[in-house]
PDB file of N, CA and C in Angstrom:
ATOM      1  N   MET A   1       4.073 -27.347 -41.466  1.00  0.00           N
ATOM      2  CA  MET A   1       3.528 -27.122 -40.136  1.00  0.00           C
ATOM      3  C   MET A   1       2.181 -26.411 -40.276  1.00  0.00           C
ATOM      4  N   THR A   2       1.157 -26.959 -39.669  1.00  0.00           N
ATOM      5  CA  THR A   2      -0.165 -26.339 -39.744  1.00  0.00           C
ATOM      6  C   THR A   2      -0.318 -25.299 -38.654  1.00  0.00           C
ATOM      7  N   GLN A   3      -1.334 -24.490 -38.794  1.00  0.00           N
ATOM      8  CA  GLN A   3      -1.589 -23.430 -37.817  1.00  0.00           C
ATOM      9  C   GLN A   3      -1.846 -24.010 -36.423  1.00  0.00           C
ATOM     10  N   SER A   4      -2.547 -25.148 -36.333  1.00  0.00           N
ATOM     11  CA  SER A   4      -2.875 -25.721 -35.031  1.00  0.00           C
ATOM     12  C   SER A   4      -1.656 -26.318 -34.328  1.00  0.00           C
ATOM     13  N   SER A   5      -0.626 -26.735 -35.075  1.00  0.00           N
ATOM     14  CA  SER A   5       0.552 -27.308 -34.449  1.00  0.00           C
ATOM     15  C   SER A   5       1.629 -26.261 -34.169  1.00  0.00           C
ATOM     16  N   LYS A   6       1.358 -25.034 -34.518  1.00  0.00           N
ATOM     17  CA  LYS A   6       2.299 -23.945 -34.285  1.00  0.00           C
ATOM     18  C   LYS A   6       2.417 -23.668 -32.784  1.00  0.00           C
ATOM     19  N   ARG A   7       3.632 -23.447 -32.319  1.00  0.00           N
ATOM     20  CA  ARG A   7       3.857 -23.152 -30.909  1.00  0.00           C
ATOM     21  C   ARG A   7       3.272 -21.789 -30.552  1.00  0.00           C
ATOM     22  N   LYS A   8       2.687 -21.692 -29.366  1.00  0.00           N
ATOM     23  CA  LYS A   8       2.093 -20.435 -28.917  1.00  0.00           C
ATOM     24  C   LYS A   8       3.185 -19.446 -28.533  1.00  0.00           C
ATOM     25  N   THR A   9       2.921 -18.178 -28.786  1.00  0.00           N
ATOM     26  CA  THR A   9       3.836 -17.130 -28.363  1.00  0.00           C
ATOM     27  C   THR A   9       3.651 -16.880 -26.869  1.00  0.00           C
ATOM     28  N   LYS A  10       4.590 -16.180 -26.275  1.00  0.00           N
ATOM     29  CA  LYS A  10       4.450 -15.839 -24.852  1.00  0.00           C
ATOM     30  C   LYS A  10       3.213 -14.984 -24.630  1.00  0.00           C
ATOM     31  N   LYS A  11       2.925 -14.100 -25.574  1.00  0.00           N
ATOM     32  CA  LYS A  11       1.730 -13.261 -25.453  1.00  0.00           C
ATOM     33  C   LYS A  11       0.476 -14.132 -25.462  1.00  0.00           C
ATOM     34  N   GLU A  12       0.409 -15.096 -26.359  1.00  0.00           N
ATOM     35  CA  GLU A  12      -0.756 -15.987 -26.413  1.00  0.00           C
ATOM     36  C   GLU A  12      -0.880 -16.808 -25.130  1.00  0.00           C
ATOM     37  N   GLU A  13       0.249 -17.275 -24.606  1.00  0.00           N
ATOM     38  CA  GLU A  13       0.233 -18.030 -23.356  1.00  0.00           C
ATOM     39  C   GLU A  13      -0.221 -17.150 -22.194  1.00  0.00           C
ATOM     40  N   LEU A  14       0.232 -15.896 -22.175  1.00  0.00           N
ATOM     41  CA  LEU A  14      -0.170 -14.962 -21.129  1.00  0.00           C
ATOM     42  C   LEU A  14      -1.675 -14.701 -21.208  1.00  0.00           C
ATOM     43  N   ILE A  15      -2.181 -14.493 -22.407  1.00  0.00           N
ATOM     44  CA  ILE A  15      -3.620 -14.261 -22.583  1.00  0.00           C
ATOM     45  C   ILE A  15      -4.403 -15.470 -22.091  1.00  0.00           C
ATOM     46  N   GLN A  16      -3.941 -16.663 -22.417  1.00  0.00           N
ATOM     47  CA  GLN A  16      -4.620 -17.881 -21.970  1.00  0.00           C
ATOM     48  C   GLN A  16      -4.611 -17.977 -20.445  1.00  0.00           C
ATOM     49  N   LEU A  17      -3.474 -17.669 -19.836  1.00  0.00           N
ATOM     50  CA  LEU A  17      -3.335 -17.722 -18.383  1.00  0.00           C
ATOM     51  C   LEU A  17      -4.274 -16.722 -17.704  1.00  0.00           C
ATOM     52  N   LEU A  18      -4.356 -15.520 -18.262  1.00  0.00           N
ATOM     53  CA  LEU A  18      -5.190 -14.477 -17.661  1.00  0.00           C
ATOM     54  C   LEU A  18      -6.666 -14.627 -18.010  1.00  0.00           C
ATOM     55  N   SER A  19      -6.990 -15.471 -18.967  1.00  0.00           N
ATOM     56  CA  SER A  19      -8.382 -15.674 -19.367  1.00  0.00           C
ATOM     57  C   SER A  19      -9.105 -16.657 -18.455  1.00  0.00           C
ATOM     58  N   ARG A  20      -8.373 -17.367 -17.628  1.00  0.00           N
ATOM     59  CA  ARG A  20      -9.022 -18.266 -16.664  1.00  0.00           C
ATOM     60  C   ARG A  20      -9.835 -17.435 -15.688  1.00  0.00           C
ATOM     61  N   SER A  21     -10.895 -18.008 -15.150  1.00  0.00           N
ATOM     62  CA  SER A  21     -11.759 -17.258 -14.241  1.00  0.00           C
ATOM     63  C   SER A  21     -11.021 -16.805 -12.984  1.00  0.00           C
ATOM     64  N   SER A  22     -10.011 -17.564 -12.552  1.00  0.00           N
ATOM     65  CA  SER A  22      -9.253 -17.185 -11.360  1.00  0.00           C
ATOM     66  C   SER A  22      -8.103 -16.235 -11.678  1.00  0.00           C
ATOM     67  N   GLY A  23      -7.746 -16.085 -12.960  1.00  0.00           N
ATOM     68  CA  GLY A  23      -6.644 -15.218 -13.339  1.00  0.00           C
ATOM     69  C   GLY A  23      -5.325 -15.726 -12.792  1.00  0.00           C
ATOM     70  N   SER A  24      -4.399 -14.814 -12.534  1.00  0.00           N
ATOM     71  CA  SER A  24      -3.094 -15.185 -12.010  1.00  0.00           C
ATOM     72  C   SER A  24      -2.438 -13.971 -11.354  1.00  0.00           C
ATOM     73  N   ASP A  25      -1.459 -14.221 -10.486  1.00  0.00           N
ATOM     74  CA  ASP A  25      -0.747 -13.118  -9.846  1.00  0.00           C
ATOM     75  C   ASP A  25       0.593 -12.903 -10.546  1.00  0.00           C
ATOM     76  N   VAL A  26       1.205 -11.756 -10.304  1.00  0.00           N
ATOM     77  CA  VAL A  26       2.444 -11.370 -10.976  1.00  0.00           C
ATOM     78  C   VAL A  26       3.573 -12.364 -10.705  1.00  0.00           C
ATOM     79  N   ALA A  27       3.703 -12.841  -9.485  1.00  0.00           N
ATOM     80  CA  ALA A  27       4.785 -13.774  -9.154  1.00  0.00           C
ATOM     81  C   ALA A  27       4.653 -15.075  -9.941  1.00  0.00           C
ATOM     82  N   THR A  28       3.447 -15.594 -10.057  1.00  0.00           N
ATOM     83  CA  THR A  28       3.215 -16.835 -10.799  1.00  0.00           C
ATOM     84  C   THR A  28       3.521 -16.651 -12.277  1.00  0.00           C
ATOM     85  N   ILE A  29       3.076 -15.541 -12.838  1.00  0.00           N
ATOM     86  CA  ILE A  29       3.333 -15.245 -14.247  1.00  0.00           C
ATOM     87  C   ILE A  29       4.837 -15.100 -14.476  1.00  0.00           C
ATOM     88  N   SER A  30       5.502 -14.381 -13.596  1.00  0.00           N
ATOM     89  CA  SER A  30       6.949 -14.170 -13.718  1.00  0.00           C
ATOM     90  C   SER A  30       7.706 -15.491 -13.683  1.00  0.00           C
ATOM     91  N   ASP A  31       7.328 -16.368 -12.759  1.00  0.00           N
ATOM     92  CA  ASP A  31       7.976 -17.675 -12.654  1.00  0.00           C
ATOM     93  C   ASP A  31       7.737 -18.518 -13.906  1.00  0.00           C
ATOM     94  N   LYS A  32       6.519 -18.511 -14.399  1.00  0.00           N
ATOM     95  CA  LYS A  32       6.176 -19.330 -15.571  1.00  0.00           C
ATOM     96  C   LYS A  32       6.995 -18.932 -16.791  1.00  0.00           C
ATOM     97  N   PHE A  33       7.197 -17.628 -16.987  1.00  0.00           N
ATOM     98  CA  PHE A  33       7.887 -17.153 -18.175  1.00  0.00           C
ATOM     99  C   PHE A  33       9.356 -16.813 -17.938  1.00  0.00           C
ATOM    100  N   GLY A  34       9.826 -16.949 -16.696  1.00  0.00           N
ATOM    101  CA  GLY A  34      11.218 -16.639 -16.395  1.00  0.00           C
ATOM    102  C   GLY A  34      11.517 -15.159 -16.519  1.00  0.00           C
ATOM    103  N   ARG A  35      10.562 -14.337 -16.121  1.00  0.00           N
ATOM    104  CA  ARG A  35      10.709 -12.885 -16.211  1.00  0.00           C
ATOM    105  C   ARG A  35      10.794 -12.276 -14.824  1.00  0.00           C
ATOM    106  N   GLN A  36      11.327 -11.064 -14.777  1.00  0.00           N
ATOM    107  CA  GLN A  36      11.293 -10.311 -13.524  1.00  0.00           C
ATOM    108  C   GLN A  36       9.907  -9.677 -13.407  1.00  0.00           C
ATOM    109  N   THR A  37       9.535  -9.301 -12.179  1.00  0.00           N
ATOM    110  CA  THR A  37       8.181  -8.795 -11.956  1.00  0.00           C
ATOM    111  C   THR A  37       7.889  -7.513 -12.739  1.00  0.00           C
ATOM    112  N   HIS A  38       8.887  -6.642 -12.882  1.00  0.00           N
ATOM    113  CA  HIS A  38       8.625  -5.398 -13.610  1.00  0.00           C
ATOM    114  C   HIS A  38       8.380  -5.677 -15.098  1.00  0.00           C
ATOM    115  N   THR A  39       8.988  -6.733 -15.627  1.00  0.00           N
ATOM    116  CA  THR A  39       8.758  -7.119 -17.019  1.00  0.00           C
ATOM    117  C   THR A  39       7.354  -7.689 -17.172  1.00  0.00           C
ATOM    118  N   THR A  40       6.902  -8.434 -16.184  1.00  0.00           N
ATOM    119  CA  THR A  40       5.544  -8.977 -16.206  1.00  0.00           C
ATOM    120  C   THR A  40       4.520  -7.848 -16.165  1.00  0.00           C
ATOM    121  N   ARG A  41       4.749  -6.863 -15.314  1.00  0.00           N
ATOM    122  CA  ARG A  41       3.816  -5.723 -15.251  1.00  0.00           C
ATOM    123  C   ARG A  41       3.792  -4.968 -16.583  1.00  0.00           C
ATOM    124  N   ALA A  42       4.945  -4.857 -17.232  1.00  0.00           N
ATOM    125  CA  ALA A  42       5.000  -4.206 -18.546  1.00  0.00           C
ATOM    126  C   ALA A  42       4.200  -5.008 -19.571  1.00  0.00           C
ATOM    127  N   ALA A  43       4.246  -6.337 -19.475  1.00  0.00           N
ATOM    128  CA  ALA A  43       3.461  -7.179 -20.382  1.00  0.00           C
ATOM    129  C   ALA A  43       1.964  -6.966 -20.159  1.00  0.00           C
ATOM    130  N   LEU A  44       1.552  -6.800 -18.906  1.00  0.00           N
ATOM    131  CA  LEU A  44       0.141  -6.514 -18.605  1.00  0.00           C
ATOM    132  C   LEU A  44      -0.271  -5.169 -19.209  1.00  0.00           C
ATOM    133  N   THR A  45       0.607  -4.191 -19.103  1.00  0.00           N
ATOM    134  CA  THR A  45       0.352  -2.882 -19.699  1.00  0.00           C
ATOM    135  C   THR A  45       0.256  -2.999 -21.220  1.00  0.00           C
ATOM    136  N   GLY A  46       1.118  -3.816 -21.807  1.00  0.00           N
ATOM    137  CA  GLY A  46       1.077  -4.029 -23.251  1.00  0.00           C
ATOM    138  C   GLY A  46      -0.244  -4.627 -23.704  1.00  0.00           C
ATOM    139  N   LEU A  47      -0.783  -5.556 -22.908  1.00  0.00           N
ATOM    140  CA  LEU A  47      -2.093  -6.117 -23.236  1.00  0.00           C
ATOM    141  C   LEU A  47      -3.176  -5.045 -23.172  1.00  0.00           C
ATOM    142  N   ARG A  48      -3.100  -4.193 -22.155  1.00  0.00           N
ATOM    143  CA  ARG A  48      -4.086  -3.100 -22.045  1.00  0.00           C
ATOM    144  C   ARG A  48      -4.016  -2.184 -23.265  1.00  0.00           C
ATOM    145  N   LYS A  49      -2.788  -1.851 -23.670  1.00  0.00           N
ATOM    146  CA  LYS A  49      -2.617  -0.972 -24.832  1.00  0.00           C
ATOM    147  C   LYS A  49      -3.092  -1.638 -26.117  1.00  0.00           C
ATOM    148  N   ALA A  50      -3.066  -2.970 -26.154  1.00  0.00           N
ATOM    149  CA  ALA A  50      -3.534  -3.720 -27.321  1.00  0.00           C
ATOM    150  C   ALA A  50      -5.059  -3.850 -27.322  1.00  0.00           C
ATOM    151  N   GLY A  51      -5.711  -3.357 -26.271  1.00  0.00           N
ATOM    152  CA  GLY A  51      -7.165  -3.354 -26.239  1.00  0.00           C
ATOM    153  C   GLY A  51      -7.807  -4.362 -25.310  1.00  0.00           C
ATOM    154  N   TYR A  52      -7.015  -5.120 -24.569  1.00  0.00           N
ATOM    155  CA  TYR A  52      -7.579  -6.072 -23.613  1.00  0.00           C
ATOM    156  C   TYR A  52      -7.950  -5.338 -22.338  1.00  0.00           C
ATOM    157  N   ARG A  53      -9.039  -5.749 -21.713  1.00  0.00           N
ATOM    158  CA  ARG A  53      -9.402  -5.191 -20.414  1.00  0.00           C
ATOM    159  C   ARG A  53      -8.832  -6.131 -19.360  1.00  0.00           C
ATOM    160  N   VAL A  54      -7.789  -5.667 -18.667  1.00  0.00           N
ATOM    161  CA  VAL A  54      -7.109  -6.461 -17.640  1.00  0.00           C
ATOM    162  C   VAL A  54      -7.508  -5.895 -16.288  1.00  0.00           C
ATOM    163  N   LEU A  55      -8.154  -6.731 -15.480  1.00  0.00           N
ATOM    164  CA  LEU A  55      -8.597  -6.319 -14.153  1.00  0.00           C
ATOM    165  C   LEU A  55      -7.633  -6.833 -13.100  1.00  0.00           C
ATOM    166  N   GLY A  56      -7.382  -6.015 -12.100  1.00  0.00           N
ATOM    167  CA  GLY A  56      -6.592  -6.424 -10.945  1.00  0.00           C
ATOM    168  C   GLY A  56      -7.524  -6.532  -9.758  1.00  0.00           C
ATOM    169  N   GLU A  57      -7.536  -7.683  -9.115  1.00  0.00           N
ATOM    170  CA  GLU A  57      -8.447  -7.916  -8.001  1.00  0.00           C
ATOM    171  C   GLU A  57      -7.671  -8.378  -6.777  1.00  0.00           C
ATOM    172  N   LYS A  58      -7.910  -7.731  -5.663  1.00  0.00           N
ATOM    173  CA  LYS A  58      -7.253  -8.088  -4.405  1.00  0.00           C
ATOM    174  C   LYS A  58      -8.164  -9.077  -3.676  1.00  0.00           C
ATOM    175  N   PRO A  59      -7.759 -10.373  -3.580  1.00  0.00           N
ATOM    176  CA  PRO A  59      -8.647 -11.381  -2.981  1.00  0.00           C
ATOM    177  C   PRO A  59      -8.857 -11.186  -1.478  1.00  0.00           C
ATOM    178  N   ASP A  60      -7.961 -11.621  -0.654  1.00  0.00           N
ATOM    179  CA  ASP A  60      -8.070 -11.504   0.802  1.00  0.00           C
ATOM    180  C   ASP A  60      -6.809 -10.866   1.360  1.00  0.00           C
ATOM    181  N   GLU A  61      -6.880 -10.467   2.591  1.00  0.00           N
ATOM    182  CA  GLU A  61      -5.740  -9.871   3.279  1.00  0.00           C
ATOM    183  C   GLU A  61      -4.548 -10.812   3.219  1.00  0.00           C
ATOM    184  N   GLY A  62      -3.409 -10.298   2.811  1.00  0.00           N
ATOM    185  CA  GLY A  62      -2.189 -11.085   2.777  1.00  0.00           C
ATOM    186  C   GLY A  62      -1.974 -11.869   1.497  1.00  0.00           C
ATOM    187  N   LYS A  63      -2.951 -11.891   0.616  1.00  0.00           N
ATOM    188  CA  LYS A  63      -2.801 -12.607  -0.656  1.00  0.00           C
ATOM    189  C   LYS A  63      -2.494 -11.608  -1.763  1.00  0.00           C
ATOM    190  N   PRO A  64      -1.711 -12.025  -2.760  1.00  0.00           N
ATOM    191  CA  PRO A  64      -1.333 -11.096  -3.836  1.00  0.00           C
ATOM    192  C   PRO A  64      -2.506 -10.764  -4.761  1.00  0.00           C
ATOM    193  N   LYS A  65      -2.418  -9.588  -5.351  1.00  0.00           N
ATOM    194  CA  LYS A  65      -3.415  -9.164  -6.322  1.00  0.00           C
ATOM    195  C   LYS A  65      -3.390 -10.111  -7.505  1.00  0.00           C
ATOM    196  N   ARG A  66      -4.568 -10.473  -7.986  1.00  0.00           N
ATOM    197  CA  ARG A  66      -4.689 -11.376  -9.135  1.00  0.00           C
ATOM    198  C   ARG A  66      -5.200 -10.583 -10.329  1.00  0.00           C
ATOM    199  N   TYR A  67      -4.672 -10.898 -11.469  1.00  0.00           N
ATOM    200  CA  TYR A  67      -5.048 -10.217 -12.703  1.00  0.00           C
ATOM    201  C   TYR A  67      -5.760 -11.193 -13.619  1.00  0.00           C
ATOM    202  N   ARG A  68      -6.753 -10.691 -14.327  1.00  0.00           N
ATOM    203  CA  ARG A  68      -7.442 -11.517 -15.300  1.00  0.00           C
ATOM    204  C   ARG A  68      -7.971 -10.626 -16.417  1.00  0.00           C
ATOM    205  N   ILE A  69      -8.186 -11.234 -17.564  1.00  0.00           N
ATOM    206  CA  ILE A  69      -8.741 -10.515 -18.707  1.00  0.00           C
ATOM    207  C   ILE A  69     -10.249 -10.636 -18.630  1.00  0.00           C
ATOM    208  N   SER A  70     -10.923  -9.499 -18.597  1.00  0.00           N
ATOM    209  CA  SER A  70     -12.382  -9.514 -18.539  1.00  0.00           C
ATOM    210  C   SER A  70     -13.003  -9.283 -19.903  1.00  0.00           C
ATOM    211  N   ALA A  71     -12.214  -8.765 -20.857  1.00  0.00           N
ATOM    212  CA  ALA A  71     -12.731  -8.546 -22.209  1.00  0.00           C
ATOM    213  C   ALA A  71     -11.575  -8.459 -23.191  1.00  0.00           C
ATOM    214  N   THR A  72     -11.799  -9.018 -24.364  1.00  0.00           N
ATOM    215  CA  THR A  72     -10.820  -8.936 -25.437  1.00  0.00           C
ATOM    216  C   THR A  72     -11.115  -7.696 -26.274  1.00  0.00           C
ATOM    217  N   PRO A  73     -10.200  -7.275 -27.130  1.00  0.00           N
ATOM    218  CA  PRO A  73     -10.427  -6.058 -27.905  1.00  0.00           C
ATOM    219  C   PRO A  73     -11.762  -6.049 -28.660  1.00  0.00           C
ATOM    220  N   ALA A  74     -12.188  -7.180 -29.189  1.00  0.00           N
ATOM    221  CA  ALA A  74     -13.442  -7.235 -29.942  1.00  0.00           C
ATOM    222  C   ALA A  74     -14.664  -7.113 -29.045  1.00  0.00           C
ATOM    223  N   LYS A  75     -14.520  -7.409 -27.748  1.00  0.00           N
ATOM    224  CA  LYS A  75     -15.665  -7.414 -26.844  1.00  0.00           C
ATOM    225  C   LYS A  75     -15.673  -6.254 -25.852  1.00  0.00           C
ATOM    226  N   ILE A  76     -14.779  -5.316 -25.987  1.00  0.00           N
ATOM    227  CA  ILE A  76     -14.687  -4.204 -25.031  1.00  0.00           C
ATOM    228  C   ILE A  76     -16.017  -3.458 -24.932  1.00  0.00           C
ATOM    229  N   GLY A  77     -16.637  -3.153 -26.034  1.00  0.00           N
ATOM    230  CA  GLY A  77     -17.908  -2.425 -26.017  1.00  0.00           C
ATOM    231  C   GLY A  77     -19.044  -3.205 -25.396  1.00  0.00           C
ATOM    232  N   GLU A  78     -18.922  -4.529 -25.348  1.00  0.00           N
ATOM    233  CA  GLU A  78     -19.982  -5.375 -24.812  1.00  0.00           C
ATOM    234  C   GLU A  78     -19.926  -5.528 -23.298  1.00  0.00           C
ATOM    235  N   THR A  79     -18.827  -5.103 -22.647  1.00  0.00           N
ATOM    236  CA  THR A  79     -18.656  -5.347 -21.217  1.00  0.00           C
ATOM    237  C   THR A  79     -18.583  -4.052 -20.430  1.00  0.00           C
ATOM    238  N   ALA A  80     -19.464  -3.146 -20.662  1.00  0.00           N
ATOM    239  CA  ALA A  80     -19.471  -1.887 -19.924  1.00  0.00           C
ATOM    240  C   ALA A  80     -19.739  -2.164 -18.454  1.00  0.00           C
ATOM    241  N   GLY A  81     -19.092  -1.392 -17.603  1.00  0.00           N
ATOM    242  CA  GLY A  81     -19.317  -1.529 -16.171  1.00  0.00           C
ATOM    243  C   GLY A  81     -18.138  -2.118 -15.412  1.00  0.00           C
ATOM    244  N   ALA A  82     -17.302  -2.902 -16.052  1.00  0.00           N
ATOM    245  CA  ALA A  82     -16.118  -3.451 -15.394  1.00  0.00           C
ATOM    246  C   ALA A  82     -15.061  -2.368 -15.349  1.00  0.00           C
ATOM    247  N   GLU A  83     -14.331  -2.304 -14.241  1.00  0.00           N
ATOM    248  CA  GLU A  83     -13.326  -1.263 -14.092  1.00  0.00           C
ATOM    249  C   GLU A  83     -11.924  -1.829 -14.245  1.00  0.00           C
ATOM    250  N   GLU A  84     -11.049  -1.049 -14.925  1.00  0.00           N
ATOM    251  CA  GLU A  84      -9.650  -1.423 -15.040  1.00  0.00           C
ATOM    252  C   GLU A  84      -8.902  -0.928 -13.818  1.00  0.00           C
ATOM    253  N   THR A  85      -7.833  -1.638 -13.481  1.00  0.00           N
ATOM    254  CA  THR A  85      -6.975  -1.176 -12.407  1.00  0.00           C
ATOM    255  C   THR A  85      -5.548  -1.112 -12.894  1.00  0.00           C
ATOM    256  N   ASP A  86      -4.738  -0.402 -12.167  1.00  0.00           N
ATOM    257  CA  ASP A  86      -3.315  -0.288 -12.473  1.00  0.00           C
ATOM    258  C   ASP A  86      -2.642  -1.628 -12.172  1.00  0.00           C
ATOM    259  N   ALA A  87      -1.558  -1.919 -12.860  1.00  0.00           N
ATOM    260  CA  ALA A  87      -0.850  -3.183 -12.687  1.00  0.00           C
ATOM    261  C   ALA A  87      -0.104  -3.259 -11.363  1.00  0.00           C
ATOM    262  N   ARG A  88      -0.111  -2.229 -10.597  1.00  0.00           N
ATOM    263  CA  ARG A  88       0.637  -2.238  -9.336  1.00  0.00           C
ATOM    264  C   ARG A  88      -0.222  -2.633  -8.184  1.00  0.00           C
TER     265      ARG A  88
END
């Protein structure tokens, strides 16, 4: 089995999902991975502790907060000015 044919881990899939420009909300992430919402929030915290900058953005009234990765651990120093938010 080559590296490219290796199945992605849940963490890699989560990073890919949050790396999209639109990001994703907790309910969508929870449904995709079959997790409860508190487990999804813990996964977001785990990414932050691993050095990812995870932003929470509230789009419009009545819509859920969306999360996205604005910087990876290697690029944290390059993206000064973006603010982190709590997973709640």
